[in-house]
Amino acid sequence: MSEDRAKRIATLSSRFTPATDADEAAPAQPPAVASAAPPTRTRGRHTFYLDSALVARLDRAYRDAAHELYPVEVNKSDYLEAVLTYALERAPEVKAALRVQLEGA
């Protein structure tokens, strides 16, 4: 194996090693990407356990919105963030609906 290839593999595999105190003090720079614009949001992968029928409704709503907004490209994550933001801005209404739903069950 060539020295360059070994160095590249070591660099790539270092992403999967646990961080030490020295690593936390000076975070590693991410690899350069084609886009010059920095990301506007920090996103992470999260797991939520949701009702399957609700997820199917979300999928249909996303597809409908993406179709209606064409030629503008809408990512599913952007759509879900917009839906959640809209709901959070109306938290009192959501709480009232939730209270009615849970008390009626």
N, C-alpha and C. Protein backbone atom coordinates (compact mmCIF):
# COMPACT_ATOMS: atom_id res chain seq x y z
N MET A 1 0.85 -1.17 0.00
CA MET A 1 0.00 0.00 0.00
C MET A 1 0.89 1.23 0.00
N SER A 2 0.55 2.19 -0.84
CA SER A 2 1.38 3.39 -0.92
C SER A 2 1.20 4.24 0.33
N GLU A 3 2.19 5.08 0.56
CA GLU A 3 2.15 5.93 1.76
C GLU A 3 0.99 6.92 1.70
N ASP A 4 0.69 7.49 0.52
CA ASP A 4 -0.43 8.43 0.39
C ASP A 4 -1.77 7.75 0.70
N ARG A 5 -1.92 6.53 0.19
CA ARG A 5 -3.18 5.82 0.44
C ARG A 5 -3.32 5.48 1.92
N ALA A 6 -2.26 5.06 2.55
CA ALA A 6 -2.29 4.73 3.98
C ALA A 6 -2.63 5.98 4.79
N LYS A 7 -2.05 7.11 4.41
CA LYS A 7 -2.33 8.36 5.12
C LYS A 7 -3.79 8.77 4.94
N ARG A 8 -4.30 8.63 3.72
CA ARG A 8 -5.70 8.97 3.46
C ARG A 8 -6.65 8.08 4.25
N ILE A 9 -6.38 6.79 4.30
CA ILE A 9 -7.21 5.86 5.06
C ILE A 9 -7.15 6.18 6.54
N ALA A 10 -5.97 6.49 7.06
CA ALA A 10 -5.83 6.84 8.47
C ALA A 10 -6.62 8.11 8.79
N THR A 11 -6.57 9.08 7.89
CA THR A 11 -7.30 10.34 8.10
C THR A 11 -8.80 10.09 8.11
N LEU A 12 -9.27 9.31 7.16
CA LEU A 12 -10.71 9.02 7.09
C LEU A 12 -11.18 8.20 8.27
N SER A 13 -10.40 7.23 8.69
CA SER A 13 -10.81 6.37 9.80
C SER A 13 -10.73 7.10 11.14
N SER A 14 -9.97 8.19 11.22
CA SER A 14 -9.87 8.93 12.47
C SER A 14 -11.20 9.57 12.86
N ARG A 15 -12.10 9.72 11.91
CA ARG A 15 -13.42 10.30 12.23
C ARG A 15 -14.20 9.39 13.17
N PHE A 16 -13.87 8.11 13.19
CA PHE A 16 -14.65 7.14 13.96
C PHE A 16 -14.03 6.78 15.29
N THR A 17 -12.96 7.44 15.67
CA THR A 17 -12.33 7.18 16.95
C THR A 17 -12.90 8.13 17.99
N PRO A 18 -13.01 7.68 19.24
CA PRO A 18 -13.54 8.57 20.29
C PRO A 18 -12.68 9.81 20.47
N ALA A 19 -13.31 10.92 20.76
CA ALA A 19 -12.59 12.19 20.95
C ALA A 19 -11.88 12.18 22.29
N THR A 20 -10.72 12.81 22.33
CA THR A 20 -9.98 12.99 23.58
C THR A 20 -10.06 14.46 23.96
N ASP A 21 -9.56 14.80 25.12
CA ASP A 21 -9.58 16.20 25.55
C ASP A 21 -8.84 17.10 24.57
N ALA A 22 -7.73 16.60 24.02
CA ALA A 22 -6.96 17.40 23.06
C ALA A 22 -7.78 17.62 21.80
N ASP A 23 -8.54 16.60 21.36
CA ASP A 23 -9.37 16.74 20.17
C ASP A 23 -10.49 17.75 20.37
N GLU A 24 -11.06 17.77 21.58
CA GLU A 24 -12.15 18.70 21.86
C GLU A 24 -11.67 20.14 21.89
N ALA A 25 -10.41 20.35 22.29
CA ALA A 25 -9.87 21.70 22.36
C ALA A 25 -9.71 22.29 20.96
N ALA A 26 -9.32 21.46 20.00
CA ALA A 26 -9.13 21.93 18.63
C ALA A 26 -9.90 21.00 17.70
N PRO A 27 -11.17 21.31 17.41
CA PRO A 27 -11.96 20.42 16.57
C PRO A 27 -11.38 20.32 15.17
N ALA A 28 -11.48 19.13 14.60
CA ALA A 28 -10.97 18.90 13.25
C ALA A 28 -11.85 19.65 12.25
N GLN A 29 -11.24 20.13 11.21
CA GLN A 29 -11.98 20.83 10.17
C GLN A 29 -12.63 19.80 9.25
N PRO A 30 -13.89 20.02 8.88
CA PRO A 30 -14.53 19.09 7.96
C PRO A 30 -13.89 19.20 6.58
N PRO A 31 -14.00 18.16 5.77
CA PRO A 31 -13.42 18.24 4.44
C PRO A 31 -14.12 19.32 3.62
N ALA A 32 -13.39 19.88 2.68
CA ALA A 32 -13.95 20.93 1.83
C ALA A 32 -15.07 20.35 0.98
N VAL A 33 -16.10 21.14 0.78
CA VAL A 33 -17.22 20.72 -0.05
C VAL A 33 -17.30 21.62 -1.27
N ALA A 34 -18.05 21.18 -2.25
CA ALA A 34 -18.15 21.93 -3.50
C ALA A 34 -18.84 23.27 -3.29
N SER A 35 -19.78 23.34 -2.36
CA SER A 35 -20.51 24.57 -2.14
C SER A 35 -19.67 25.55 -1.32
N ALA A 36 -19.63 26.78 -1.75
CA ALA A 36 -18.86 27.79 -1.02
C ALA A 36 -19.67 28.37 0.14
N ALA A 37 -21.00 28.27 0.07
CA ALA A 37 -21.85 28.83 1.12
C ALA A 37 -21.90 27.90 2.32
N PRO A 38 -21.70 28.44 3.53
CA PRO A 38 -21.80 27.60 4.72
C PRO A 38 -23.26 27.22 4.98
N PRO A 39 -23.49 26.08 5.62
CA PRO A 39 -24.87 25.69 5.90
C PRO A 39 -25.53 26.70 6.84
N THR A 40 -26.81 26.95 6.61
CA THR A 40 -27.52 27.93 7.43
C THR A 40 -28.05 27.30 8.71
N ARG A 41 -28.21 25.98 8.74
CA ARG A 41 -28.72 25.30 9.92
C ARG A 41 -27.80 24.15 10.29
N THR A 42 -27.83 23.83 11.55
CA THR A 42 -27.14 22.64 12.00
C THR A 42 -28.18 21.55 12.09
N ARG A 43 -27.94 20.48 11.38
CA ARG A 43 -28.90 19.38 11.36
C ARG A 43 -28.25 18.15 11.95
N GLY A 44 -29.06 17.36 12.60
CA GLY A 44 -28.60 16.09 13.13
C GLY A 44 -29.64 15.03 12.87
N ARG A 45 -29.22 13.81 12.96
CA ARG A 45 -30.15 12.70 12.74
C ARG A 45 -30.82 12.39 14.07
N HIS A 46 -32.16 12.33 14.05
CA HIS A 46 -32.93 12.06 15.25
C HIS A 46 -33.95 10.98 14.93
N THR A 47 -34.33 10.21 15.93
CA THR A 47 -35.30 9.15 15.74
C THR A 47 -36.55 9.47 16.55
N PHE A 48 -37.68 9.41 15.88
CA PHE A 48 -38.97 9.60 16.53
C PHE A 48 -39.85 8.42 16.16
N TYR A 49 -40.58 7.88 17.10
CA TYR A 49 -41.49 6.80 16.84
C TYR A 49 -42.88 7.39 16.69
N LEU A 50 -43.39 7.38 15.46
CA LEU A 50 -44.66 8.02 15.14
C LEU A 50 -45.63 6.99 14.60
N ASP A 51 -46.90 7.33 14.69
CA ASP A 51 -47.95 6.50 14.14
C ASP A 51 -47.74 6.35 12.63
N SER A 52 -47.86 5.14 12.13
CA SER A 52 -47.61 4.89 10.70
C SER A 52 -48.58 5.65 9.80
N ALA A 53 -49.83 5.77 10.23
CA ALA A 53 -50.81 6.51 9.43
C ALA A 53 -50.44 7.99 9.36
N LEU A 54 -49.93 8.54 10.45
CA LEU A 54 -49.51 9.94 10.46
C LEU A 54 -48.32 10.15 9.53
N VAL A 55 -47.38 9.23 9.54
CA VAL A 55 -46.21 9.33 8.65
C VAL A 55 -46.66 9.25 7.20
N ALA A 56 -47.63 8.39 6.92
CA ALA A 56 -48.15 8.29 5.55
C ALA A 56 -48.81 9.61 5.14
N ARG A 57 -49.54 10.25 6.07
CA ARG A 57 -50.15 11.56 5.78
C ARG A 57 -49.07 12.60 5.52
N LEU A 58 -48.01 12.59 6.33
CA LEU A 58 -46.90 13.52 6.12
C LEU A 58 -46.25 13.31 4.76
N ASP A 59 -46.05 12.05 4.39
CA ASP A 59 -45.45 11.74 3.09
C ASP A 59 -46.32 12.27 1.95
N ARG A 60 -47.63 12.05 2.04
CA ARG A 60 -48.54 12.54 1.00
C ARG A 60 -48.55 14.06 0.95
N ALA A 61 -48.59 14.69 2.13
CA ALA A 61 -48.60 16.15 2.18
C ALA A 61 -47.31 16.72 1.58
N TYR A 62 -46.18 16.09 1.88
CA TYR A 62 -44.90 16.54 1.32
C TYR A 62 -44.91 16.41 -0.19
N ARG A 63 -45.35 15.26 -0.70
CA ARG A 63 -45.38 15.06 -2.16
C ARG A 63 -46.29 16.09 -2.82
N ASP A 64 -47.46 16.35 -2.21
CA ASP A 64 -48.37 17.34 -2.77
C ASP A 64 -47.74 18.73 -2.79
N ALA A 65 -47.10 19.10 -1.69
CA ALA A 65 -46.46 20.42 -1.61
C ALA A 65 -45.32 20.53 -2.61
N ALA A 66 -44.52 19.49 -2.73
CA ALA A 66 -43.41 19.51 -3.68
C ALA A 66 -43.93 19.64 -5.11
N HIS A 67 -45.05 18.97 -5.38
CA HIS A 67 -45.64 19.04 -6.72
C HIS A 67 -46.19 20.44 -6.99
N GLU A 68 -46.87 21.03 -6.01
CA GLU A 68 -47.47 22.36 -6.18
C GLU A 68 -46.40 23.45 -6.29
N LEU A 69 -45.29 23.28 -5.60
CA LEU A 69 -44.24 24.30 -5.59
C LEU A 69 -43.26 24.16 -6.75
N TYR A 70 -43.38 23.07 -7.54
CA TYR A 70 -42.49 22.88 -8.69
C TYR A 70 -42.55 24.09 -9.59
N PRO A 71 -41.48 24.64 -10.07
CA PRO A 71 -40.13 24.11 -10.23
C PRO A 71 -39.21 24.36 -9.04
N VAL A 72 -39.71 24.97 -7.98
CA VAL A 72 -38.88 25.13 -6.79
C VAL A 72 -38.68 23.75 -6.17
N GLU A 73 -37.43 23.42 -5.85
CA GLU A 73 -37.13 22.11 -5.26
C GLU A 73 -37.28 22.20 -3.75
N VAL A 74 -38.10 21.32 -3.20
CA VAL A 74 -38.35 21.29 -1.75
C VAL A 74 -37.82 19.96 -1.20
N ASN A 75 -36.90 20.04 -0.26
CA ASN A 75 -36.41 18.84 0.41
C ASN A 75 -37.40 18.43 1.48
N LYS A 76 -37.49 17.14 1.73
CA LYS A 76 -38.42 16.67 2.74
C LYS A 76 -38.06 17.22 4.12
N SER A 77 -36.78 17.32 4.42
CA SER A 77 -36.38 17.86 5.72
C SER A 77 -36.80 19.32 5.87
N ASP A 78 -36.69 20.10 4.79
CA ASP A 78 -37.13 21.50 4.84
C ASP A 78 -38.64 21.57 5.06
N TYR A 79 -39.38 20.69 4.39
CA TYR A 79 -40.84 20.67 4.54
C TYR A 79 -41.22 20.32 5.98
N LEU A 80 -40.60 19.27 6.53
CA LEU A 80 -40.92 18.87 7.90
C LEU A 80 -40.53 19.95 8.90
N GLU A 81 -39.41 20.62 8.68
CA GLU A 81 -39.02 21.73 9.57
C GLU A 81 -40.04 22.85 9.51
N ALA A 82 -40.56 23.15 8.32
CA ALA A 82 -41.57 24.20 8.18
C ALA A 82 -42.85 23.81 8.90
N VAL A 83 -43.26 22.55 8.77
CA VAL A 83 -44.48 22.08 9.45
C VAL A 83 -44.31 22.16 10.96
N LEU A 84 -43.17 21.70 11.46
CA LEU A 84 -42.92 21.74 12.90
C LEU A 84 -42.81 23.17 13.42
N THR A 85 -42.16 24.04 12.67
CA THR A 85 -42.06 25.45 13.07
C THR A 85 -43.43 26.09 13.14
N TYR A 86 -44.26 25.81 12.15
CA TYR A 86 -45.62 26.34 12.12
C TYR A 86 -46.40 25.87 13.35
N ALA A 87 -46.26 24.59 13.68
CA ALA A 87 -46.96 24.05 14.85
C ALA A 87 -46.43 24.66 16.14
N LEU A 88 -45.13 24.84 16.25
CA LEU A 88 -44.54 25.41 17.46
C LEU A 88 -44.96 26.86 17.67
N GLU A 89 -45.17 27.59 16.57
CA GLU A 89 -45.62 28.97 16.69
C GLU A 89 -47.07 29.04 17.17
N ARG A 90 -47.76 27.94 17.07
CA ARG A 90 -49.16 27.86 17.51
C ARG A 90 -49.31 26.86 18.65
N ALA A 91 -48.35 26.84 19.56
CA ALA A 91 -48.31 25.89 20.66
C ALA A 91 -49.57 25.89 21.51
N PRO A 92 -50.15 27.05 21.86
CA PRO A 92 -51.37 27.01 22.67
C PRO A 92 -52.52 26.27 21.98
N GLU A 93 -52.66 26.46 20.67
CA GLU A 93 -53.70 25.76 19.93
C GLU A 93 -53.43 24.27 19.89
N VAL A 94 -52.16 23.90 19.74
CA VAL A 94 -51.78 22.48 19.71
C VAL A 94 -52.07 21.85 21.07
N LYS A 95 -51.73 22.55 22.15
CA LYS A 95 -51.99 22.03 23.50
C LYS A 95 -53.48 21.84 23.73
N ALA A 96 -54.29 22.80 23.30
CA ALA A 96 -55.74 22.68 23.48
C ALA A 96 -56.28 21.49 22.70
N ALA A 97 -55.84 21.31 21.47
CA ALA A 97 -56.29 20.17 20.67
C ALA A 97 -55.84 18.86 21.28
N LEU A 98 -54.62 18.84 21.80
CA LEU A 98 -54.10 17.63 22.43
C LEU A 98 -54.88 17.29 23.70
N ARG A 99 -55.20 18.31 24.47
CA ARG A 99 -55.98 18.10 25.69
C ARG A 99 -57.35 17.49 25.34
N VAL A 100 -58.01 18.04 24.34
CA VAL A 100 -59.33 17.51 23.92
C VAL A 100 -59.18 16.06 23.44
N GLN A 101 -58.15 15.81 22.66
CA GLN A 101 -57.93 14.47 22.12
C GLN A 101 -57.67 13.47 23.24
N LEU A 102 -56.84 13.82 24.21
CA LEU A 102 -56.48 12.88 25.26
C LEU A 102 -57.59 12.70 26.29
N GLU A 103 -58.34 13.76 26.58
CA GLU A 103 -59.44 13.64 27.53
C GLU A 103 -60.61 12.89 26.92
N GLY A 104 -60.76 12.97 25.62
CA GLY A 104 -61.86 12.30 24.95
C GLY A 104 -61.58 10.82 24.70
N ALA A 105 -60.32 10.42 24.87
CA ALA A 105 -59.95 9.03 24.56
C ALA A 105 -60.33 8.05 25.63
